[in-house]
Amino acid sequence: MKAVLTQRIEAIKNRNAQAVADLVDPEDYSKFDDWPPFELQQGSSVLKNEGDALKVLREYEYETSSWKVDILGDAAVASFAIHYKGKIRDLSFDIRSRVTAVLRKKEGDWRIVHEHWSRIP
């Protein structure tokens, strides 16, 4: 689980929208993000919006900590903290968030089905 989520964050860092999409279950993926919009996002628009944001992302760096992973048969819940910073267009950001992700094993591979990112004030 940690490897899948780290691959996702690395795909963001590398601005690789296809690699991000390859790690989620496109049929069931949903997300609460720590960037607007803050409501539940689901369906094909989630990955499209994220892909559009990756096009204007620059200088992305991150560090994760406090990992906890629970495997429950063909499902898993992973939680961790992340500190990430960079630029999107001309806006610099420096954010600390808590992340919880739900993954499901499908056809032998772990896929992300839900993520919840919440900023640490």
Protein backbone atom coordinates (compact mmCIF):
# COMPACT_ATOMS: atom_id res chain seq x y z
CA MET A 1 0.00 0.00 0.00
CA LYS A 2 2.77 2.40 0.91
CA ALA A 3 4.46 1.68 -2.43
CA VAL A 4 1.26 2.36 -4.40
CA LEU A 5 0.64 5.66 -2.61
CA THR A 6 4.28 6.70 -2.93
CA GLN A 7 4.09 5.93 -6.67
CA ARG A 8 1.03 8.18 -6.85
CA ILE A 9 2.84 11.06 -5.16
CA GLU A 10 5.91 10.52 -7.36
CA ALA A 11 3.61 10.62 -10.41
CA ILE A 12 2.31 13.99 -9.19
CA LYS A 13 5.89 15.21 -8.70
CA ASN A 14 6.78 14.04 -12.21
CA ARG A 15 3.58 15.55 -13.65
CA ASN A 16 2.58 12.19 -15.08
CA ALA A 17 -1.22 12.14 -15.25
CA GLN A 18 -1.31 8.68 -16.85
CA ALA A 19 0.75 7.16 -14.03
CA VAL A 20 -1.66 8.73 -11.51
CA ALA A 21 -4.65 7.30 -13.39
CA ASP A 22 -3.05 3.84 -13.59
CA LEU A 23 -3.01 3.59 -9.77
CA VAL A 24 -6.71 4.20 -9.17
CA ASP A 25 -9.81 2.13 -9.83
CA PRO A 26 -11.50 4.34 -12.45
CA GLU A 27 -14.93 2.80 -11.83
CA ASP A 28 -15.06 3.58 -8.11
CA TYR A 29 -12.47 6.30 -7.45
CA SER A 30 -13.49 9.24 -5.28
CA LYS A 31 -11.63 11.92 -3.40
CA PHE A 32 -11.83 14.68 -0.82
CA ASP A 33 -8.96 17.03 -1.65
CA ASP A 34 -7.09 19.62 0.37
CA TRP A 35 -7.41 21.99 -2.63
CA PRO A 36 -10.71 23.40 -3.90
CA PRO A 37 -13.24 22.08 -4.56
CA PHE A 38 -13.48 20.67 -1.05
CA GLU A 39 -16.60 18.56 -1.63
CA LEU A 40 -16.57 14.90 -2.61
CA GLN A 41 -15.22 14.44 -6.13
CA GLN A 42 -16.01 11.32 -8.11
CA GLY A 43 -16.30 10.08 -11.65
CA SER A 44 -14.11 10.78 -14.65
CA SER A 45 -13.81 14.50 -13.89
CA VAL A 46 -11.61 13.83 -10.83
CA LEU A 47 -8.67 12.53 -12.86
CA LYS A 48 -9.20 15.07 -15.63
CA ASN A 49 -9.07 17.97 -13.15
CA GLU A 50 -5.97 16.53 -11.50
CA GLY A 51 -4.31 16.04 -14.90
CA ASP A 52 -5.05 19.66 -15.81
CA ALA A 53 -3.46 20.84 -12.54
CA LEU A 54 -0.34 18.76 -13.21
CA LYS A 55 0.23 20.71 -16.43
CA VAL A 56 0.89 23.91 -14.43
CA LEU A 57 2.69 22.33 -11.45
CA ARG A 58 6.36 23.17 -10.89
CA GLU A 59 9.06 22.65 -8.27
CA TYR A 60 7.11 19.98 -6.36
CA GLU A 61 8.80 18.44 -3.32
CA TYR A 62 7.31 16.27 -0.60
CA GLU A 63 8.04 14.28 2.52
CA THR A 64 5.76 11.68 4.13
CA SER A 65 5.70 10.43 7.72
CA SER A 66 3.59 8.65 10.33
CA TRP A 67 2.50 5.79 8.09
CA LYS A 68 -0.11 3.27 9.24
CA VAL A 69 -1.39 0.53 6.95
CA ASP A 70 -4.11 -2.00 7.75
CA ILE A 71 -4.80 -4.83 5.28
CA LEU A 72 -8.29 -6.28 5.57
CA GLY A 73 -8.45 -9.09 3.04
CA ASP A 74 -8.88 -7.52 -0.41
CA ALA A 75 -9.15 -4.02 1.08
CA ALA A 76 -6.64 -1.81 2.84
CA VAL A 77 -6.62 1.51 4.65
CA ALA A 78 -3.47 3.61 4.71
CA SER A 79 -2.93 6.81 6.67
CA PHE A 80 0.04 9.15 6.66
CA ALA A 81 1.09 12.77 6.96
CA ILE A 82 2.58 14.68 4.04
CA HIS A 83 4.41 17.97 3.78
CA TYR A 84 4.54 19.19 0.20
CA LYS A 85 5.50 22.41 -1.50
CA GLY A 86 5.99 23.85 -4.94
CA LYS A 87 4.37 26.20 -7.41
CA ILE A 88 1.18 25.99 -9.42
CA ARG A 89 1.21 28.71 -12.06
CA ASP A 90 2.71 31.63 -10.10
CA LEU A 91 1.26 30.58 -6.73
CA SER A 92 3.77 29.12 -4.26
CA PHE A 93 2.40 26.65 -1.74
CA ASP A 94 3.75 24.95 1.38
CA ILE A 95 1.17 22.55 2.83
CA ARG A 96 1.01 19.93 5.56
CA SER A 97 -1.87 17.46 5.30
CA ARG A 98 -3.18 14.22 6.70
CA VAL A 99 -4.08 11.59 4.13
CA THR A 100 -6.25 8.51 4.42
CA ALA A 101 -6.58 6.22 1.42
CA VAL A 102 -8.69 3.13 0.80
CA LEU A 103 -7.31 0.58 -1.63
CA ARG A 104 -8.83 -2.57 -3.10
CA LYS A 105 -7.11 -5.55 -4.64
CA LYS A 106 -8.49 -6.07 -8.12
CA GLU A 107 -7.11 -8.62 -10.59
CA GLY A 108 -4.02 -9.03 -8.39
CA ASP A 109 -3.14 -5.31 -8.17
CA TRP A 110 -3.87 -2.78 -5.46
CA ARG A 111 -5.86 0.20 -6.73
CA ILE A 112 -6.86 3.36 -4.89
CA VAL A 113 -10.63 3.68 -4.56
CA HIS A 114 -10.83 6.67 -2.20
CA GLU A 115 -8.53 9.37 -0.84
CA HIS A 116 -9.18 11.94 1.84
CA TRP A 117 -6.64 14.77 2.12
CA SER A 118 -7.10 17.33 4.91
CA ARG A 119 -4.80 20.25 5.64
CA ILE A 120 -3.18 20.57 9.03
CA PRO A 121 -3.75 24.15 10.20
